Protein backbone atom coordinates (compact mmCIF):
# COMPACT_ATOMS: atom_id res chain seq x y z
CA MET A 1 119.56 87.14 103.76
CA ARG A 2 120.39 90.84 103.72
CA VAL A 3 117.34 93.12 103.66
CA SER A 4 116.96 96.87 103.19
CA LEU A 5 113.78 98.78 104.10
CA ILE A 6 113.28 102.03 102.16
CA GLN A 7 111.52 104.77 104.15
CA LEU A 8 109.84 107.33 101.88
CA ASN A 9 107.84 110.52 102.24
CA SER A 10 105.46 110.00 99.33
CA SER A 11 102.79 112.54 98.38
CA THR A 12 100.44 113.30 95.48
CA ASP A 13 103.37 113.96 93.13
CA ARG A 14 103.83 110.65 91.33
CA GLU A 15 107.02 111.61 89.48
CA ALA A 16 108.69 112.89 92.66
CA ASN A 17 107.65 109.75 94.53
CA LEU A 18 109.14 107.47 91.88
CA ALA A 19 112.36 109.48 91.75
CA GLN A 20 112.71 109.43 95.53
CA ALA A 21 112.14 105.68 95.66
CA LYS A 22 114.63 104.91 92.89
CA ALA A 23 117.31 107.16 94.41
CA LEU A 24 117.07 105.51 97.83
CA MET A 25 116.94 102.01 96.37
CA THR A 26 120.08 102.80 94.39
CA LYS A 27 121.87 104.09 97.50
CA ALA A 28 120.90 100.97 99.45
CA MET A 29 122.26 98.74 96.68
CA GLU A 30 125.51 100.71 96.48
CA ARG A 31 126.10 100.70 100.23
CA ASP A 32 124.67 97.42 101.48
CA ARG A 33 124.02 95.14 98.48
CA PRO A 34 120.78 93.71 99.92
CA ASP A 35 119.25 90.48 98.66
CA LEU A 36 115.80 91.97 99.20
CA ILE A 37 114.56 95.58 99.05
CA VAL A 38 111.20 96.50 100.63
CA LEU A 39 109.32 99.76 99.97
CA PRO A 40 106.45 101.24 102.04
CA GLU A 41 102.70 101.24 101.43
CA THR A 42 101.25 103.34 98.56
CA MET A 43 104.71 104.36 97.51
CA THR A 44 103.64 105.96 94.21
CA TRP A 45 100.76 108.04 95.57
CA ILE A 46 99.43 108.89 99.01
CA GLY A 47 96.88 111.47 100.17
CA GLY A 48 94.57 113.78 98.30
CA THR A 49 90.81 113.74 97.86
CA LYS A 50 88.72 110.66 97.22
CA GLU A 51 88.51 111.61 93.54
CA GLN A 52 92.29 112.04 93.31
CA ARG A 53 92.94 108.71 95.02
CA LEU A 54 90.56 106.96 92.63
CA ALA A 55 92.21 108.64 89.63
CA ALA A 56 95.68 107.63 90.88
CA GLY A 57 95.05 103.97 90.08
CA GLN A 58 96.96 102.38 87.20
CA PRO A 59 96.47 98.84 85.90
CA PHE A 60 99.18 96.18 85.93
CA PRO A 61 101.65 95.76 84.36
CA GLU A 62 101.63 99.33 82.98
CA ASN A 63 101.54 100.74 86.55
CA ASP A 64 104.52 103.07 87.09
CA GLY A 65 105.42 101.59 90.47
CA TYR A 66 105.16 98.07 89.08
CA GLN A 67 107.51 98.95 86.23
CA LEU A 68 110.03 100.73 88.48
CA CYS A 69 110.36 97.74 90.79
CA LYS A 70 110.37 95.18 87.99
CA HIS A 71 113.22 96.88 86.13
CA PHE A 72 115.19 97.71 89.26
CA ALA A 73 115.08 94.06 90.33
CA ALA A 74 116.33 92.86 86.95
CA GLU A 75 119.01 95.54 86.60
CA ASN A 76 120.42 94.91 90.08
CA ALA A 77 119.79 91.15 90.40
CA ALA A 78 117.93 91.81 93.67
CA ASN A 79 114.52 90.74 94.94
CA VAL A 80 112.17 93.75 95.25
CA HIS A 81 108.93 94.08 97.23
CA CYS A 82 107.12 97.16 95.91
CA GLY A 83 105.55 98.01 99.29
CA SER A 84 102.18 98.66 97.72
CA VAL A 85 100.89 100.60 94.75
CA THR A 86 97.46 101.76 93.65
CA GLU A 87 96.18 99.13 91.22
CA ALA A 88 93.28 100.00 88.90
CA ILE A 89 90.99 97.02 88.25
CA PRO A 90 89.28 96.99 84.84
CA GLY A 91 85.51 97.16 85.23
CA GLN A 92 85.68 98.14 88.93
CA THR A 93 84.86 101.52 90.44
CA ARG A 94 87.51 101.25 93.17
CA ASN A 95 91.23 100.45 93.11
CA ARG A 96 93.17 97.86 95.07
CA ASN A 97 96.02 98.53 97.49
CA THR A 98 98.37 95.91 96.10
CA SER A 99 101.82 94.53 96.91
CA VAL A 100 103.92 92.90 94.20
CA VAL A 101 107.13 90.92 94.68
CA PHE A 102 109.75 90.53 91.93
CA ASP A 103 112.61 88.05 91.92
CA ARG A 104 116.19 88.75 90.86
CA SER A 105 115.27 88.46 87.17
CA GLY A 106 112.43 90.99 87.46
CA THR A 107 109.76 88.29 87.25
CA GLU A 108 106.61 88.82 89.33
CA ILE A 109 106.42 86.02 91.91
CA ALA A 110 103.57 87.17 94.19
CA ARG A 111 100.74 89.68 94.35
CA TYR A 112 98.73 90.55 97.48
CA ALA A 113 95.73 92.89 97.78
CA LYS A 114 95.27 94.43 101.23
CA ILE A 115 92.48 92.67 103.10
CA HIS A 116 91.64 95.06 105.95
CA MET A 117 90.48 98.58 105.06
CA PHE A 118 91.49 101.47 107.32
CA ASP A 119 88.05 103.00 107.99
CA VAL A 120 88.61 104.62 111.38
CA ALA A 121 88.68 107.88 113.27
CA ALA A 122 92.06 108.92 114.69
CA PRO A 123 92.31 110.15 118.31
CA ASP A 124 91.76 113.75 117.18
CA GLY A 125 88.61 112.73 115.28
CA THR A 126 90.18 112.81 111.81
CA ALA A 127 88.42 110.26 109.58
CA TYR A 128 90.34 107.85 107.38
CA LEU A 129 88.10 106.05 104.88
CA GLU A 130 90.28 103.75 102.83
CA SER A 131 87.30 101.88 101.43
CA ASP A 132 86.17 105.05 99.62
CA ALA A 133 88.90 104.44 97.05
CA PHE A 134 89.98 100.82 97.61
CA GLU A 135 88.23 97.47 97.59
CA PRO A 136 89.58 94.78 99.93
CA GLY A 137 91.35 91.64 98.84
CA SER A 138 90.52 88.22 100.28
CA ASP A 139 93.52 85.92 99.75
CA VAL A 140 96.32 85.04 102.14
CA VAL A 141 99.47 85.22 100.00
CA THR A 142 103.07 84.12 100.47
CA ALA A 143 106.15 84.59 98.30
CA GLU A 144 109.09 82.23 97.95
CA ILE A 145 112.16 84.49 98.02
CA ASP A 146 115.55 82.81 97.58
CA GLY A 147 114.12 79.60 99.02
CA THR A 148 112.41 81.12 102.08
CA THR A 149 108.66 81.69 102.47
CA PHE A 150 107.63 85.27 103.23
CA GLY A 151 104.09 86.19 104.26
CA LEU A 152 102.55 89.35 102.79
CA SER A 153 100.52 91.95 104.69
CA ILE A 154 99.88 95.70 104.52
CA CYS A 155 99.55 98.34 107.26
CA TYR A 156 96.14 97.99 109.00
CA ASP A 157 96.42 94.21 108.59
CA LEU A 158 98.83 94.47 111.54
CA ARG A 159 95.88 94.71 113.94
CA PHE A 160 94.44 91.34 112.91
CA PRO A 161 96.60 88.53 114.33
CA GLU A 162 94.50 85.82 112.68
CA LEU A 163 95.98 86.86 109.30
CA PHE A 164 99.50 86.43 110.68
CA THR A 165 98.58 83.05 112.12
CA ALA A 166 97.34 82.04 108.67
CA LEU A 167 100.62 83.19 107.13
CA VAL A 168 102.56 80.99 109.53
CA GLY A 169 100.23 78.13 108.66
CA ALA A 170 101.18 78.72 105.01
CA GLY A 171 104.85 78.21 105.91
CA SER A 172 106.13 81.74 106.50
CA SER A 173 109.44 82.33 108.28
CA ALA A 174 109.26 86.10 107.73
CA ILE A 175 106.41 88.56 107.21
CA ILE A 176 106.64 91.77 105.20
CA LEU A 177 104.52 94.72 106.36
CA PRO A 178 104.64 97.89 104.24
CA ALA A 179 102.70 100.67 105.95
CA ALA A 180 101.67 104.30 106.14
CA PHE A 181 100.78 104.26 109.84
CA THR A 182 99.41 107.58 111.05
CA LEU A 183 101.56 109.61 113.44
CA GLN A 184 98.79 109.60 116.05
CA THR A 185 98.36 105.82 116.14
CA GLY A 186 101.96 105.01 115.30
CA LYS A 187 103.52 106.67 118.32
CA ASP A 188 101.44 104.47 120.64
CA HIS A 189 100.83 101.26 118.70
CA TRP A 190 103.32 100.72 115.84
CA GLU A 191 106.26 99.15 117.66
CA VAL A 192 104.06 97.34 120.20
CA LEU A 193 102.02 95.64 117.48
CA CYS A 194 104.98 94.86 115.21
CA ARG A 195 106.88 93.23 118.05
CA ALA A 196 103.77 91.35 119.18
CA ARG A 197 103.26 89.89 115.69
CA ALA A 198 106.91 88.79 115.60
CA ILE A 199 106.64 87.16 119.03
CA GLU A 200 103.33 85.44 118.24
CA THR A 201 104.39 84.12 114.85
CA GLN A 202 108.06 83.51 115.73
CA CYS A 203 108.88 85.11 112.38
CA TRP A 204 111.12 87.91 111.24
CA VAL A 205 108.93 90.99 110.68
CA LEU A 206 109.97 93.58 108.09
CA ALA A 207 107.88 96.68 108.87
CA CYS A 208 108.53 99.42 106.31
CA GLY A 209 106.73 102.72 106.84
CA GLN A 210 106.01 106.02 105.17
CA PHE A 211 107.28 109.09 107.06
CA GLY A 212 106.14 112.71 107.12
CA ASN A 213 103.30 114.74 105.68
CA ALA A 214 101.03 114.19 102.70
CA PRO A 215 97.97 116.30 101.84
CA GLY A 216 94.68 115.07 103.26
CA PRO A 217 91.31 115.32 101.50
CA ASP A 218 90.73 118.75 103.02
CA GLY A 219 94.17 120.00 101.95
CA ARG A 220 95.59 119.90 105.46
CA PRO A 221 98.66 117.70 105.99
CA ARG A 222 98.33 114.22 107.47
CA ALA A 223 101.45 112.74 108.98
CA SER A 224 102.81 109.19 108.74
CA TYR A 225 104.89 107.82 111.60
CA GLY A 226 107.82 106.16 109.83
CA HIS A 227 110.08 104.23 112.24
CA SER A 228 110.64 101.38 109.80
CA MET A 229 112.07 98.42 111.67
CA ILE A 230 113.32 94.87 111.36
CA ILE A 231 112.29 92.59 114.22
CA ASP A 232 113.67 89.14 114.99
CA PRO A 233 111.57 86.06 115.90
CA TRP A 234 112.10 86.70 119.62
CA GLY A 235 110.63 90.20 119.30
CA HIS A 236 113.83 92.24 119.42
CA VAL A 237 114.16 95.27 117.13
CA VAL A 238 117.49 94.69 115.40
CA ALA A 239 117.36 97.69 113.04
CA ARG A 240 115.33 100.90 113.00
CA ALA A 241 115.19 103.86 110.60
CA SER A 242 115.65 107.38 111.88
CA ASP A 243 113.09 110.10 111.23
CA GLY A 244 113.06 111.34 107.66
CA ILE A 245 113.57 109.53 104.39
CA GLY A 246 116.31 106.91 104.17
CA PHE A 247 116.86 103.20 104.55
CA VAL A 248 117.88 100.62 107.11
CA THR A 249 119.55 97.26 106.51
CA ALA A 250 119.95 94.07 108.53
CA THR A 251 120.81 90.42 107.95
CA LEU A 252 118.11 87.82 108.63
CA ASP A 253 119.28 84.52 110.11
CA PHE A 254 116.52 81.99 109.42
CA ALA A 255 118.16 79.43 111.70
CA MET A 256 116.90 81.66 114.52
CA VAL A 257 113.30 80.98 113.44
CA ASP A 258 113.86 77.24 113.78
CA ALA A 259 115.61 77.63 117.12
CA VAL A 260 112.87 79.79 118.66
CA ARG A 261 110.14 77.46 117.43
CA ARG A 262 111.91 74.39 118.82
CA ARG A 263 112.30 75.97 122.25
CA MET A 264 108.73 77.27 122.34
CA PRO A 265 106.48 75.27 119.94
CA VAL A 266 103.57 77.70 119.97
CA SER A 267 102.03 76.41 116.73
CA ALA A 268 101.91 72.86 118.05
CA HIS A 269 100.16 74.09 121.21
CA ARG A 270 97.48 76.14 119.39
CA ARG A 271 93.92 74.98 120.12
CA LEU A 272 91.81 77.74 118.58
CA VAL A 273 91.66 77.80 114.79
CA PRO A 274 91.59 81.25 113.11
CA ALA A 275 88.77 82.28 110.80
CA PRO A 276 89.11 80.61 107.40
CA PHE A 277 90.89 82.35 104.54
CA SER A 278 91.54 81.18 101.02
CA VAL A 279 95.27 80.71 100.56
CA ALA A 280 96.89 81.85 97.32
CA ALA A 281 100.62 81.14 97.38
CA GLU A 282 102.50 82.28 94.28
């Protein structure tokens, strides 16, 4: 399976974000003809004040990001993972940070709401309070893409290996991780954690990040790390995006998953059971 990761520099300009995403997706299709396109986290809107982030939510299926990915998938006969978009939930005061996967016909085949909220202080003391504007999901979700099971995760989920163990338990051979990792944490932790999750799960990991500045709640820019990468089941980085916007493409060989798991049957050796999740495979 040929996969392209689209690295964006999204901001609080929805129209510019959508145009940037569509242009890069089109270039990836023209150059590499991927079977699957993956976008980064919060690709239609990132940054701004709490009030702006709340107002940025749009319900499904009217959501602009949802519609862009749905139509692009159908028009190009390609599977599309939207990264994540800001989903407004009727009757709720907060949005959800939601991934949607579309098959080659533009049909929605999976939807995942980010479980772990990024409520932390960066090394310089900057506070990130994702739960101000987003409510967490609770379901472990997989998507069947061209006959292969892909596990779904988003950004801060990367720091919780029990979720990835659950995704393997649900049959995943690859895990998709759209992200907007901060520059401060990304330079020290991004590659280490992505490779660790690939090694632990013996899965392909598709880690697609935002890059560059977006306005923070105080108006000052907050930087995302980028460095989108595709990692094989042995933990090798086989493709990596340069700084800036763009895309990176690689071919996934799922026979490698089987070979690595036969040589080192980690799942069969596991003795500790992760915390329970409800599993919603679509």
